[in-house]
Structures are given as structure tokens and as C-alpha cells.
Amino acid sequence: MTKEEVFGRLKTILAVVRPAVNQDNITYQTDLIKDLGLDSLSMLLMGLALEKEFDIRFANDVQFADVNDVCESIMKLIRE
């Protein structure tokens, strides 16, 4: 799976978690808190959806700042 495919699937999940966000405005540099307004609950929901979507498991202490962090973490877990 390519990073672009991961990015596309992530954007779809973000649209469910934060319906008011326009997917077209999401880039790799999009800050999850400042730009998308994710709070702790929506971060948890995003993480759970991503784990199910990609059949992966994030570490309990994982932290994401931006969309690229999420994509990179998913890519790393897919390769393991």
C-alpha cells in the first residue's frame, strides 16, 4: 500500500470523525488540533477507526501532530 492510498483512506475517516471539515483542504501538513479541531475524543475515534480500517494496533502512548504523522505511523505498522 502506498502512502497516497493511506492518505486517501485517512481523509475519508477524518470526514466521518469531523464532518464539517472539507476533505479537499486536508494536506500532509494539516494539524489535527489546530486545523481540524480534533479533541481527545475525536482523536480516540479516529485511532479506533484507523485500527479497524488498516487492521493495525497503535501503541497506547502514540501521539500525532499532523496528518503526515498519522500516515507515517500507519505505513510503519503495515510494514511490520
N, C-alpha and C. Protein backbone atom coordinates (compact mmCIF):
# COMPACT_ATOMS: atom_id res chain seq x y z
N MET A 1 0.84 -1.18 0.00
CA MET A 1 0.00 0.00 0.00
C MET A 1 0.89 1.24 0.00
N THR A 2 0.52 2.21 -0.80
CA THR A 2 1.32 3.43 -0.89
C THR A 2 0.86 4.45 0.16
N LYS A 3 1.72 5.42 0.39
CA LYS A 3 1.38 6.49 1.33
C LYS A 3 0.18 7.29 0.83
N GLU A 4 0.06 7.46 -0.47
CA GLU A 4 -1.07 8.19 -1.04
C GLU A 4 -2.38 7.44 -0.78
N GLU A 5 -2.35 6.11 -0.86
CA GLU A 5 -3.55 5.32 -0.56
C GLU A 5 -3.94 5.45 0.91
N VAL A 6 -2.94 5.40 1.78
CA VAL A 6 -3.18 5.59 3.21
C VAL A 6 -3.78 6.98 3.45
N PHE A 7 -3.20 8.00 2.81
CA PHE A 7 -3.67 9.38 2.94
C PHE A 7 -5.14 9.50 2.52
N GLY A 8 -5.50 8.89 1.42
CA GLY A 8 -6.88 8.95 0.94
C GLY A 8 -7.86 8.30 1.90
N ARG A 9 -7.48 7.16 2.44
CA ARG A 9 -8.35 6.46 3.39
C ARG A 9 -8.44 7.23 4.70
N LEU A 10 -7.33 7.84 5.11
CA LEU A 10 -7.32 8.67 6.32
C LEU A 10 -8.27 9.86 6.16
N LYS A 11 -8.23 10.51 5.00
CA LYS A 11 -9.11 11.66 4.76
C LYS A 11 -10.57 11.24 4.85
N THR A 12 -10.91 10.07 4.37
CA THR A 12 -12.28 9.57 4.46
C THR A 12 -12.69 9.39 5.92
N ILE A 13 -11.80 8.85 6.72
CA ILE A 13 -12.09 8.65 8.14
C ILE A 13 -12.21 9.99 8.85
N LEU A 14 -11.33 10.93 8.52
CA LEU A 14 -11.41 12.25 9.13
C LEU A 14 -12.73 12.94 8.80
N ALA A 15 -13.26 12.70 7.62
CA ALA A 15 -14.54 13.29 7.22
C ALA A 15 -15.69 12.73 8.06
N VAL A 16 -15.54 11.50 8.52
CA VAL A 16 -16.57 10.91 9.38
C VAL A 16 -16.42 11.45 10.81
N VAL A 17 -15.18 11.53 11.28
CA VAL A 17 -14.93 12.00 12.64
C VAL A 17 -15.25 13.50 12.77
N ARG A 18 -14.90 14.27 11.75
CA ARG A 18 -15.14 15.72 11.74
C ARG A 18 -15.86 16.10 10.46
N PRO A 19 -17.18 15.87 10.39
CA PRO A 19 -17.94 16.09 9.16
C PRO A 19 -17.87 17.52 8.61
N ALA A 20 -17.62 18.50 9.46
CA ALA A 20 -17.58 19.88 9.00
C ALA A 20 -16.31 20.21 8.21
N VAL A 21 -15.32 19.31 8.26
CA VAL A 21 -14.05 19.55 7.59
C VAL A 21 -14.14 19.15 6.11
N ASN A 22 -13.69 20.03 5.25
CA ASN A 22 -13.65 19.76 3.82
C ASN A 22 -12.41 18.91 3.50
N GLN A 23 -12.63 17.71 3.00
CA GLN A 23 -11.51 16.80 2.69
C GLN A 23 -10.51 17.42 1.72
N ASP A 24 -10.98 18.28 0.83
CA ASP A 24 -10.11 18.88 -0.17
C ASP A 24 -9.06 19.79 0.45
N ASN A 25 -9.31 20.25 1.67
CA ASN A 25 -8.37 21.15 2.35
C ASN A 25 -7.34 20.42 3.20
N ILE A 26 -7.46 19.11 3.29
CA ILE A 26 -6.54 18.33 4.12
C ILE A 26 -5.28 18.00 3.32
N THR A 27 -4.13 18.35 3.90
CA THR A 27 -2.83 18.03 3.31
C THR A 27 -2.01 17.27 4.35
N TYR A 28 -0.83 16.85 3.96
CA TYR A 28 0.05 16.16 4.91
C TYR A 28 0.43 17.07 6.08
N GLN A 29 0.45 18.37 5.86
CA GLN A 29 0.84 19.32 6.89
C GLN A 29 -0.32 19.78 7.77
N THR A 30 -1.52 19.32 7.50
CA THR A 30 -2.68 19.72 8.27
C THR A 30 -2.54 19.28 9.72
N ASP A 31 -2.61 20.25 10.63
CA ASP A 31 -2.50 19.99 12.07
C ASP A 31 -3.84 19.43 12.56
N LEU A 32 -3.78 18.33 13.27
CA LEU A 32 -5.01 17.67 13.70
C LEU A 32 -5.81 18.50 14.70
N ILE A 33 -5.13 19.21 15.57
CA ILE A 33 -5.82 20.00 16.59
C ILE A 33 -6.12 21.41 16.10
N LYS A 34 -5.10 22.10 15.63
CA LYS A 34 -5.29 23.50 15.22
C LYS A 34 -6.14 23.65 13.97
N ASP A 35 -5.90 22.81 12.96
CA ASP A 35 -6.60 22.96 11.69
C ASP A 35 -7.92 22.19 11.62
N LEU A 36 -7.95 21.00 12.22
CA LEU A 36 -9.16 20.18 12.14
C LEU A 36 -10.02 20.24 13.39
N GLY A 37 -9.46 20.75 14.48
CA GLY A 37 -10.22 20.89 15.71
C GLY A 37 -10.48 19.57 16.43
N LEU A 38 -9.62 18.59 16.22
CA LEU A 38 -9.80 17.32 16.92
C LEU A 38 -9.51 17.49 18.40
N ASP A 39 -10.36 16.90 19.23
CA ASP A 39 -10.13 16.88 20.67
C ASP A 39 -9.78 15.44 21.06
N SER A 40 -9.66 15.19 22.35
CA SER A 40 -9.23 13.86 22.79
C SER A 40 -10.21 12.77 22.36
N LEU A 41 -11.49 13.06 22.40
CA LEU A 41 -12.48 12.06 21.99
C LEU A 41 -12.41 11.78 20.49
N SER A 42 -12.32 12.83 19.68
CA SER A 42 -12.25 12.61 18.24
C SER A 42 -10.93 11.97 17.83
N MET A 43 -9.85 12.23 18.58
CA MET A 43 -8.57 11.55 18.32
C MET A 43 -8.72 10.05 18.59
N LEU A 44 -9.41 9.74 19.68
CA LEU A 44 -9.64 8.33 20.02
C LEU A 44 -10.49 7.65 18.96
N LEU A 45 -11.55 8.31 18.54
CA LEU A 45 -12.41 7.75 17.50
C LEU A 45 -11.65 7.55 16.19
N MET A 46 -10.81 8.53 15.84
CA MET A 46 -10.00 8.40 14.63
C MET A 46 -9.06 7.21 14.76
N GLY A 47 -8.40 7.09 15.90
CA GLY A 47 -7.47 5.98 16.10
C GLY A 47 -8.14 4.62 16.00
N LEU A 48 -9.31 4.50 16.62
CA LEU A 48 -10.04 3.24 16.57
C LEU A 48 -10.48 2.91 15.14
N ALA A 49 -10.95 3.92 14.43
CA ALA A 49 -11.37 3.71 13.04
C ALA A 49 -10.19 3.31 12.16
N LEU A 50 -9.04 3.93 12.40
CA LEU A 50 -7.85 3.60 11.62
C LEU A 50 -7.36 2.18 11.92
N GLU A 51 -7.41 1.79 13.19
CA GLU A 51 -7.01 0.43 13.55
C GLU A 51 -7.88 -0.60 12.84
N LYS A 52 -9.16 -0.33 12.79
CA LYS A 52 -10.08 -1.25 12.11
C LYS A 52 -9.85 -1.22 10.59
N GLU A 53 -9.73 -0.03 10.03
CA GLU A 53 -9.56 0.13 8.57
C GLU A 53 -8.31 -0.57 8.06
N PHE A 54 -7.20 -0.44 8.79
CA PHE A 54 -5.91 -0.96 8.32
C PHE A 54 -5.49 -2.26 9.03
N ASP A 55 -6.33 -2.75 9.95
CA ASP A 55 -6.01 -3.95 10.72
C ASP A 55 -4.64 -3.81 11.39
N ILE A 56 -4.51 -2.72 12.15
CA ILE A 56 -3.27 -2.43 12.86
C ILE A 56 -3.62 -2.12 14.31
N ARG A 57 -2.58 -1.94 15.13
CA ARG A 57 -2.78 -1.57 16.53
C ARG A 57 -1.74 -0.51 16.89
N PHE A 58 -2.21 0.68 17.27
CA PHE A 58 -1.31 1.75 17.70
C PHE A 58 -0.87 1.50 19.14
N ALA A 59 0.33 1.95 19.47
CA ALA A 59 0.80 1.90 20.86
C ALA A 59 -0.07 2.83 21.70
N ASN A 60 -0.23 2.52 22.96
CA ASN A 60 -1.07 3.33 23.84
C ASN A 60 -0.58 4.76 23.98
N ASP A 61 0.71 4.97 23.83
CA ASP A 61 1.27 6.31 24.05
C ASP A 61 1.54 7.07 22.74
N VAL A 62 0.98 6.60 21.63
CA VAL A 62 1.23 7.26 20.35
C VAL A 62 0.59 8.64 20.34
N GLN A 63 1.31 9.60 19.75
CA GLN A 63 0.80 10.97 19.64
C GLN A 63 1.02 11.45 18.22
N PHE A 64 0.01 12.12 17.70
CA PHE A 64 0.07 12.65 16.35
C PHE A 64 -0.08 14.16 16.39
N ALA A 65 0.74 14.86 15.61
CA ALA A 65 0.61 16.31 15.49
C ALA A 65 -0.13 16.68 14.21
N ASP A 66 0.25 16.02 13.13
CA ASP A 66 -0.36 16.36 11.84
C ASP A 66 -0.70 15.10 11.05
N VAL A 67 -1.29 15.30 9.90
CA VAL A 67 -1.73 14.19 9.05
C VAL A 67 -0.54 13.32 8.64
N ASN A 68 0.60 13.94 8.37
CA ASN A 68 1.78 13.17 7.98
C ASN A 68 2.20 12.21 9.08
N ASP A 69 2.14 12.64 10.35
CA ASP A 69 2.47 11.75 11.47
C ASP A 69 1.60 10.50 11.44
N VAL A 70 0.32 10.69 11.19
CA VAL A 70 -0.61 9.57 11.16
C VAL A 70 -0.27 8.63 10.00
N CYS A 71 -0.05 9.20 8.82
CA CYS A 71 0.29 8.38 7.64
C CYS A 71 1.57 7.60 7.86
N GLU A 72 2.58 8.25 8.40
CA GLU A 72 3.87 7.59 8.64
C GLU A 72 3.71 6.45 9.66
N SER A 73 2.94 6.67 10.70
CA SER A 73 2.72 5.62 11.70
C SER A 73 2.00 4.43 11.10
N ILE A 74 1.00 4.71 10.29
CA ILE A 74 0.26 3.62 9.64
C ILE A 74 1.19 2.85 8.70
N MET A 75 1.97 3.56 7.91
CA MET A 75 2.89 2.90 6.97
C MET A 75 3.87 2.00 7.72
N LYS A 76 4.38 2.49 8.85
CA LYS A 76 5.32 1.71 9.65
C LYS A 76 4.66 0.44 10.19
N LEU A 77 3.42 0.56 10.68
CA LEU A 77 2.73 -0.59 11.24
C LEU A 77 2.32 -1.60 10.16
N ILE A 78 2.02 -1.12 8.99
CA ILE A 78 1.66 -2.02 7.88
C ILE A 78 2.86 -2.88 7.49
N ARG A 79 4.05 -2.27 7.52
CA ARG A 79 5.26 -2.98 7.10
C ARG A 79 5.70 -4.03 8.12
N GLU A 80 5.27 -3.88 9.38
CA GLU A 80 5.73 -4.81 10.43
C GLU A 80 5.08 -6.16 10.33
